[in-house]
Amino acid sequence: MGFILRLLVNALALYLLTQVYSGVFFEGNAGVGSVLIAALVMGIVNALIRPVLLLLSLPLTLLTLGLFTLVVNGVVLSLVAAITALDVAGFGAAIVGALILTIISWLLDSVVGVLGLDGGKRG
């Protein structure tokens, strides 16, 4: 049940991102299925590729006091856009979109935690 809830929260966050920021959008007549696929791909990329990117960019991340993580998140969003119906206007838009997506996901995770839908796993 936790996986499905996480997938739905990520899908809602991606959808809300496309509604509040014009630099990230879904192509053409993308429906609920396209949003769910993009959220699933985002989860897979975050689990498999993002840790490798963070490790490889560790010197830059340390040099910039962590700000380079925004660039890594932009790369992840661009990669998801290259694979799915999600589209970004450019690399700068991907970085801004990743920042907004992080904020939206954090807010949605907080709501899920307050409502107790996460099974009481938050402290």
N, C-alpha and C. Protein backbone atom coordinates (compact mmCIF):
# COMPACT_ATOMS: atom_id res chain seq x y z
N MET A 1 0.82 -1.20 0.00
CA MET A 1 0.00 0.00 0.00
C MET A 1 0.86 1.26 0.00
N GLY A 2 2.01 1.21 0.66
CA GLY A 2 2.89 2.38 0.73
C GLY A 2 3.41 2.79 -0.63
N PHE A 3 3.73 1.81 -1.48
CA PHE A 3 4.24 2.10 -2.82
C PHE A 3 3.19 2.82 -3.65
N ILE A 4 1.95 2.36 -3.59
CA ILE A 4 0.87 2.97 -4.37
C ILE A 4 0.61 4.39 -3.88
N LEU A 5 0.60 4.58 -2.57
CA LEU A 5 0.40 5.93 -2.02
C LEU A 5 1.52 6.85 -2.47
N ARG A 6 2.76 6.38 -2.41
CA ARG A 6 3.91 7.20 -2.82
C ARG A 6 3.82 7.55 -4.30
N LEU A 7 3.39 6.57 -5.13
CA LEU A 7 3.23 6.81 -6.56
C LEU A 7 2.16 7.86 -6.81
N LEU A 8 1.05 7.78 -6.10
CA LEU A 8 -0.04 8.75 -6.27
C LEU A 8 0.38 10.15 -5.81
N VAL A 9 1.12 10.23 -4.72
CA VAL A 9 1.61 11.53 -4.25
C VAL A 9 2.57 12.13 -5.26
N ASN A 10 3.48 11.31 -5.81
CA ASN A 10 4.41 11.81 -6.82
C ASN A 10 3.68 12.24 -8.09
N ALA A 11 2.66 11.48 -8.48
CA ALA A 11 1.88 11.84 -9.67
C ALA A 11 1.15 13.16 -9.45
N LEU A 12 0.56 13.32 -8.28
CA LEU A 12 -0.13 14.58 -7.98
C LEU A 12 0.85 15.74 -7.95
N ALA A 13 2.04 15.52 -7.40
CA ALA A 13 3.05 16.57 -7.36
C ALA A 13 3.48 16.96 -8.77
N LEU A 14 3.69 15.99 -9.64
CA LEU A 14 4.05 16.29 -11.03
C LEU A 14 2.94 17.05 -11.74
N TYR A 15 1.71 16.61 -11.53
CA TYR A 15 0.58 17.29 -12.15
C TYR A 15 0.48 18.74 -11.65
N LEU A 16 0.60 18.93 -10.34
CA LEU A 16 0.53 20.28 -9.79
C LEU A 16 1.67 21.15 -10.31
N LEU A 17 2.85 20.56 -10.47
CA LEU A 17 3.97 21.30 -11.03
C LEU A 17 3.64 21.84 -12.41
N THR A 18 3.03 21.00 -13.24
CA THR A 18 2.68 21.45 -14.59
C THR A 18 1.60 22.52 -14.58
N GLN A 19 0.82 22.59 -13.51
CA GLN A 19 -0.23 23.60 -13.41
C GLN A 19 0.30 24.95 -12.91
N VAL A 20 1.33 24.93 -12.07
CA VAL A 20 1.82 26.19 -11.48
C VAL A 20 3.05 26.74 -12.19
N TYR A 21 3.73 25.94 -13.00
CA TYR A 21 4.94 26.40 -13.66
C TYR A 21 4.88 26.02 -15.14
N SER A 22 4.94 27.01 -16.01
CA SER A 22 4.77 26.77 -17.44
C SER A 22 6.00 26.17 -18.10
N GLY A 23 7.14 26.13 -17.43
CA GLY A 23 8.35 25.57 -18.00
C GLY A 23 8.35 24.06 -18.04
N VAL A 24 7.44 23.43 -17.29
CA VAL A 24 7.31 21.98 -17.28
C VAL A 24 5.86 21.65 -17.61
N PHE A 25 5.66 20.79 -18.60
CA PHE A 25 4.29 20.50 -19.04
C PHE A 25 4.24 19.10 -19.64
N PHE A 26 3.03 18.60 -19.80
CA PHE A 26 2.83 17.31 -20.46
C PHE A 26 2.48 17.57 -21.92
N GLU A 27 3.02 16.74 -22.80
CA GLU A 27 2.81 16.89 -24.23
C GLU A 27 1.37 16.54 -24.61
N GLY A 28 0.83 17.30 -25.50
CA GLY A 28 -0.46 17.01 -26.13
C GLY A 28 -1.58 16.63 -25.19
N ASN A 29 -2.21 15.50 -25.47
CA ASN A 29 -3.36 15.03 -24.71
C ASN A 29 -2.96 14.02 -23.64
N ALA A 30 -1.94 14.34 -22.88
CA ALA A 30 -1.49 13.43 -21.83
C ALA A 30 -2.56 13.33 -20.76
N GLY A 31 -2.94 12.13 -20.44
CA GLY A 31 -3.96 11.90 -19.43
C GLY A 31 -3.39 11.40 -18.13
N VAL A 32 -4.25 10.81 -17.33
CA VAL A 32 -3.86 10.30 -16.03
C VAL A 32 -2.79 9.22 -16.17
N GLY A 33 -2.91 8.39 -17.17
CA GLY A 33 -1.92 7.33 -17.39
C GLY A 33 -0.53 7.89 -17.63
N SER A 34 -0.45 8.95 -18.42
CA SER A 34 0.85 9.57 -18.69
C SER A 34 1.45 10.17 -17.43
N VAL A 35 0.61 10.75 -16.58
CA VAL A 35 1.09 11.33 -15.32
C VAL A 35 1.59 10.22 -14.40
N LEU A 36 0.85 9.11 -14.33
CA LEU A 36 1.26 7.98 -13.49
C LEU A 36 2.55 7.35 -13.99
N ILE A 37 2.70 7.23 -15.31
CA ILE A 37 3.92 6.67 -15.87
C ILE A 37 5.11 7.58 -15.58
N ALA A 38 4.91 8.89 -15.72
CA ALA A 38 5.98 9.84 -15.42
C ALA A 38 6.37 9.76 -13.94
N ALA A 39 5.39 9.61 -13.06
CA ALA A 39 5.68 9.48 -11.63
C ALA A 39 6.44 8.19 -11.34
N LEU A 40 6.06 7.11 -12.00
CA LEU A 40 6.75 5.83 -11.82
C LEU A 40 8.20 5.92 -12.31
N VAL A 41 8.39 6.51 -13.49
CA VAL A 41 9.74 6.69 -14.02
C VAL A 41 10.56 7.60 -13.10
N MET A 42 9.92 8.64 -12.57
CA MET A 42 10.62 9.55 -11.64
C MET A 42 11.08 8.78 -10.41
N GLY A 43 10.24 7.90 -9.89
CA GLY A 43 10.62 7.10 -8.74
C GLY A 43 11.78 6.16 -9.04
N ILE A 44 11.76 5.55 -10.21
CA ILE A 44 12.84 4.63 -10.61
C ILE A 44 14.15 5.39 -10.80
N VAL A 45 14.08 6.54 -11.47
CA VAL A 45 15.28 7.34 -11.70
C VAL A 45 15.83 7.86 -10.37
N ASN A 46 14.94 8.29 -9.48
CA ASN A 46 15.39 8.76 -8.16
C ASN A 46 16.03 7.64 -7.35
N ALA A 47 15.57 6.42 -7.53
CA ALA A 47 16.11 5.29 -6.77
C ALA A 47 17.41 4.74 -7.35
N LEU A 48 17.55 4.77 -8.67
CA LEU A 48 18.69 4.12 -9.30
C LEU A 48 19.77 5.08 -9.81
N ILE A 49 19.38 6.13 -10.46
CA ILE A 49 20.34 7.01 -11.13
C ILE A 49 20.75 8.20 -10.27
N ARG A 50 19.82 8.80 -9.55
CA ARG A 50 20.13 9.98 -8.75
C ARG A 50 21.24 9.73 -7.72
N PRO A 51 21.25 8.60 -7.01
CA PRO A 51 22.36 8.38 -6.06
C PRO A 51 23.73 8.34 -6.74
N VAL A 52 23.79 7.77 -7.94
CA VAL A 52 25.05 7.73 -8.68
C VAL A 52 25.48 9.15 -9.06
N LEU A 53 24.53 9.93 -9.55
CA LEU A 53 24.83 11.32 -9.91
C LEU A 53 25.29 12.12 -8.70
N LEU A 54 24.64 11.91 -7.57
CA LEU A 54 25.04 12.62 -6.35
C LEU A 54 26.45 12.23 -5.91
N LEU A 55 26.77 10.96 -6.04
CA LEU A 55 28.11 10.50 -5.66
C LEU A 55 29.17 11.07 -6.59
N LEU A 56 28.90 11.05 -7.88
CA LEU A 56 29.86 11.57 -8.85
C LEU A 56 30.05 13.08 -8.72
N SER A 57 29.01 13.78 -8.30
CA SER A 57 29.09 15.24 -8.19
C SER A 57 29.42 15.69 -6.77
N LEU A 58 29.81 14.78 -5.91
CA LEU A 58 30.08 15.12 -4.52
C LEU A 58 31.10 16.25 -4.35
N PRO A 59 32.21 16.25 -5.09
CA PRO A 59 33.13 17.39 -4.92
C PRO A 59 32.50 18.75 -5.24
N LEU A 60 31.72 18.80 -6.33
CA LEU A 60 31.04 20.05 -6.67
C LEU A 60 29.98 20.41 -5.64
N THR A 61 29.29 19.41 -5.15
CA THR A 61 28.27 19.65 -4.14
C THR A 61 28.90 20.22 -2.87
N LEU A 62 30.03 19.67 -2.47
CA LEU A 62 30.73 20.19 -1.29
C LEU A 62 31.25 21.60 -1.55
N LEU A 63 31.80 21.84 -2.73
CA LEU A 63 32.34 23.15 -3.08
C LEU A 63 31.26 24.23 -3.09
N THR A 64 30.05 23.86 -3.51
CA THR A 64 28.95 24.83 -3.58
C THR A 64 28.04 24.77 -2.36
N LEU A 65 28.50 24.08 -1.32
CA LEU A 65 27.73 23.94 -0.08
C LEU A 65 26.34 23.35 -0.31
N GLY A 66 26.26 22.40 -1.22
CA GLY A 66 25.02 21.68 -1.46
C GLY A 66 24.15 22.21 -2.58
N LEU A 67 24.47 23.39 -3.10
CA LEU A 67 23.62 23.97 -4.13
C LEU A 67 23.66 23.20 -5.45
N PHE A 68 24.73 22.46 -5.69
CA PHE A 68 24.83 21.68 -6.92
C PHE A 68 23.78 20.57 -6.95
N THR A 69 23.22 20.23 -5.82
CA THR A 69 22.15 19.24 -5.78
C THR A 69 20.96 19.71 -6.61
N LEU A 70 20.74 21.01 -6.69
CA LEU A 70 19.67 21.54 -7.54
C LEU A 70 19.91 21.18 -9.00
N VAL A 71 21.17 21.23 -9.42
CA VAL A 71 21.51 20.87 -10.80
C VAL A 71 21.26 19.38 -11.02
N VAL A 72 21.65 18.55 -10.06
CA VAL A 72 21.41 17.11 -10.17
C VAL A 72 19.91 16.83 -10.27
N ASN A 73 19.12 17.52 -9.45
CA ASN A 73 17.66 17.34 -9.52
C ASN A 73 17.11 17.79 -10.87
N GLY A 74 17.69 18.84 -11.44
CA GLY A 74 17.30 19.29 -12.78
C GLY A 74 17.64 18.25 -13.84
N VAL A 75 18.80 17.61 -13.70
CA VAL A 75 19.18 16.54 -14.62
C VAL A 75 18.20 15.38 -14.53
N VAL A 76 17.81 15.03 -13.31
CA VAL A 76 16.86 13.94 -13.12
C VAL A 76 15.52 14.29 -13.78
N LEU A 77 15.04 15.51 -13.59
CA LEU A 77 13.77 15.91 -14.20
C LEU A 77 13.89 15.92 -15.72
N SER A 78 15.03 16.37 -16.25
CA SER A 78 15.24 16.35 -17.70
C SER A 78 15.27 14.92 -18.24
N LEU A 79 15.88 14.02 -17.49
CA LEU A 79 15.94 12.62 -17.90
C LEU A 79 14.55 12.00 -17.94
N VAL A 80 13.75 12.30 -16.93
CA VAL A 80 12.36 11.80 -16.91
C VAL A 80 11.59 12.39 -18.09
N ALA A 81 11.83 13.66 -18.39
CA ALA A 81 11.14 14.30 -19.52
C ALA A 81 11.55 13.67 -20.85
N ALA A 82 12.80 13.22 -20.95
CA ALA A 82 13.27 12.59 -22.19
C ALA A 82 12.62 11.23 -22.42
N ILE A 83 12.19 10.58 -21.34
CA ILE A 83 11.67 9.22 -21.44
C ILE A 83 10.15 9.19 -21.52
N THR A 84 9.48 10.16 -20.90
CA THR A 84 8.02 10.13 -20.78
C THR A 84 7.37 11.27 -21.56
N ALA A 85 6.07 11.43 -21.38
CA ALA A 85 5.32 12.51 -22.03
C ALA A 85 5.54 13.85 -21.35
N LEU A 86 6.29 13.87 -20.27
CA LEU A 86 6.64 15.13 -19.60
C LEU A 86 7.62 15.88 -20.48
N ASP A 87 7.52 17.20 -20.50
CA ASP A 87 8.42 18.00 -21.31
C ASP A 87 8.87 19.21 -20.52
N VAL A 88 10.11 19.63 -20.72
CA VAL A 88 10.64 20.84 -20.08
C VAL A 88 11.11 21.80 -21.15
N ALA A 89 11.02 23.09 -20.86
CA ALA A 89 11.36 24.12 -21.83
C ALA A 89 12.86 24.27 -22.01
N GLY A 90 13.66 23.76 -21.12
CA GLY A 90 15.11 23.86 -21.21
C GLY A 90 15.72 23.43 -19.89
N PHE A 91 17.07 23.48 -19.83
CA PHE A 91 17.71 23.00 -18.61
C PHE A 91 17.44 23.93 -17.43
N GLY A 92 17.40 25.22 -17.67
CA GLY A 92 17.06 26.17 -16.60
C GLY A 92 15.66 25.91 -16.07
N ALA A 93 14.74 25.63 -16.98
CA ALA A 93 13.36 25.32 -16.58
C ALA A 93 13.32 24.02 -15.79
N ALA A 94 14.21 23.07 -16.13
CA ALA A 94 14.25 21.81 -15.39
C ALA A 94 14.73 22.04 -13.96
N ILE A 95 15.72 22.92 -13.78
CA ILE A 95 16.22 23.21 -12.44
C ILE A 95 15.14 23.91 -11.60
N VAL A 96 14.49 24.91 -12.18
CA VAL A 96 13.41 25.60 -11.46
C VAL A 96 12.26 24.64 -11.20
N GLY A 97 11.92 23.82 -12.19
CA GLY A 97 10.85 22.85 -12.02
C GLY A 97 11.16 21.84 -10.92
N ALA A 98 12.42 21.40 -10.86
CA ALA A 98 12.81 20.46 -9.82
C ALA A 98 12.70 21.09 -8.44
N LEU A 99 13.05 22.36 -8.33
CA LEU A 99 12.92 23.06 -7.05
C LEU A 99 11.46 23.18 -6.63
N ILE A 100 10.62 23.56 -7.57
CA ILE A 100 9.18 23.68 -7.27
C ILE A 100 8.60 22.30 -6.95
N LEU A 101 9.02 21.28 -7.70
CA LEU A 101 8.54 19.92 -7.44
C LEU A 101 8.92 19.45 -6.05
N THR A 102 10.12 19.80 -5.60
CA THR A 102 10.55 19.44 -4.25
C THR A 102 9.65 20.08 -3.20
N ILE A 103 9.31 21.34 -3.40
CA ILE A 103 8.44 22.05 -2.45
C ILE A 103 7.04 21.44 -2.45
N ILE A 104 6.51 21.17 -3.65
CA ILE A 104 5.16 20.58 -3.74
C ILE A 104 5.14 19.20 -3.09
N SER A 105 6.17 18.38 -3.37
CA SER A 105 6.23 17.04 -2.78
C SER A 105 6.33 17.10 -1.26
N TRP A 106 7.12 18.04 -0.77
CA TRP A 106 7.25 18.20 0.68
C TRP A 106 5.90 18.57 1.31
N LEU A 107 5.17 19.48 0.67
CA LEU A 107 3.85 19.87 1.19
C LEU A 107 2.88 18.69 1.16
N LEU A 108 2.87 17.96 0.05
CA LEU A 108 1.96 16.80 -0.05
C LEU A 108 2.33 15.71 0.95
N ASP A 109 3.63 15.46 1.13
CA ASP A 109 4.05 14.49 2.14
C ASP A 109 3.61 14.91 3.53
N SER A 110 3.67 16.21 3.81
CA SER A 110 3.23 16.71 5.12
C SER A 110 1.73 16.49 5.31
N VAL A 111 0.95 16.75 4.26
CA VAL A 111 -0.49 16.54 4.34
C VAL A 111 -0.81 15.06 4.56
N VAL A 112 -0.13 14.19 3.83
CA VAL A 112 -0.33 12.75 3.99
C VAL A 112 0.01 12.33 5.42
N GLY A 113 1.09 12.87 5.96
CA GLY A 113 1.49 12.55 7.33
C GLY A 113 0.49 13.04 8.35
N VAL A 114 -0.03 14.27 8.16
CA VAL A 114 -1.00 14.83 9.10
C VAL A 114 -2.31 14.05 9.06
N LEU A 115 -2.70 13.62 7.86
CA LEU A 115 -3.94 12.86 7.73
C LEU A 115 -3.80 11.42 8.21
N GLY A 116 -2.57 11.00 8.45
CA GLY A 116 -2.34 9.64 8.93
C GLY A 116 -2.44 8.59 7.86
N LEU A 117 -2.36 9.00 6.59
CA LEU A 117 -2.48 8.05 5.49
C LEU A 117 -1.21 7.25 5.26
N ASP A 118 -0.13 7.64 5.93
CA ASP A 118 1.14 6.95 5.75
C ASP A 118 1.34 5.82 6.75
N GLY A 119 0.34 5.48 7.49
CA GLY A 119 0.43 4.38 8.44
C GLY A 119 1.13 4.75 9.73
N GLY A 120 1.21 6.04 10.02
CA GLY A 120 1.83 6.50 11.26
C GLY A 120 3.34 6.35 11.28
N LYS A 121 3.98 6.39 10.10
CA LYS A 121 5.42 6.18 10.03
C LYS A 121 6.22 7.45 10.30
N ARG A 122 5.55 8.56 10.35
CA ARG A 122 6.27 9.82 10.58
C ARG A 122 6.24 10.17 12.06
N GLY A 123 7.34 10.79 12.49
CA GLY A 123 7.45 11.10 13.91
C GLY A 123 7.22 12.48 14.29
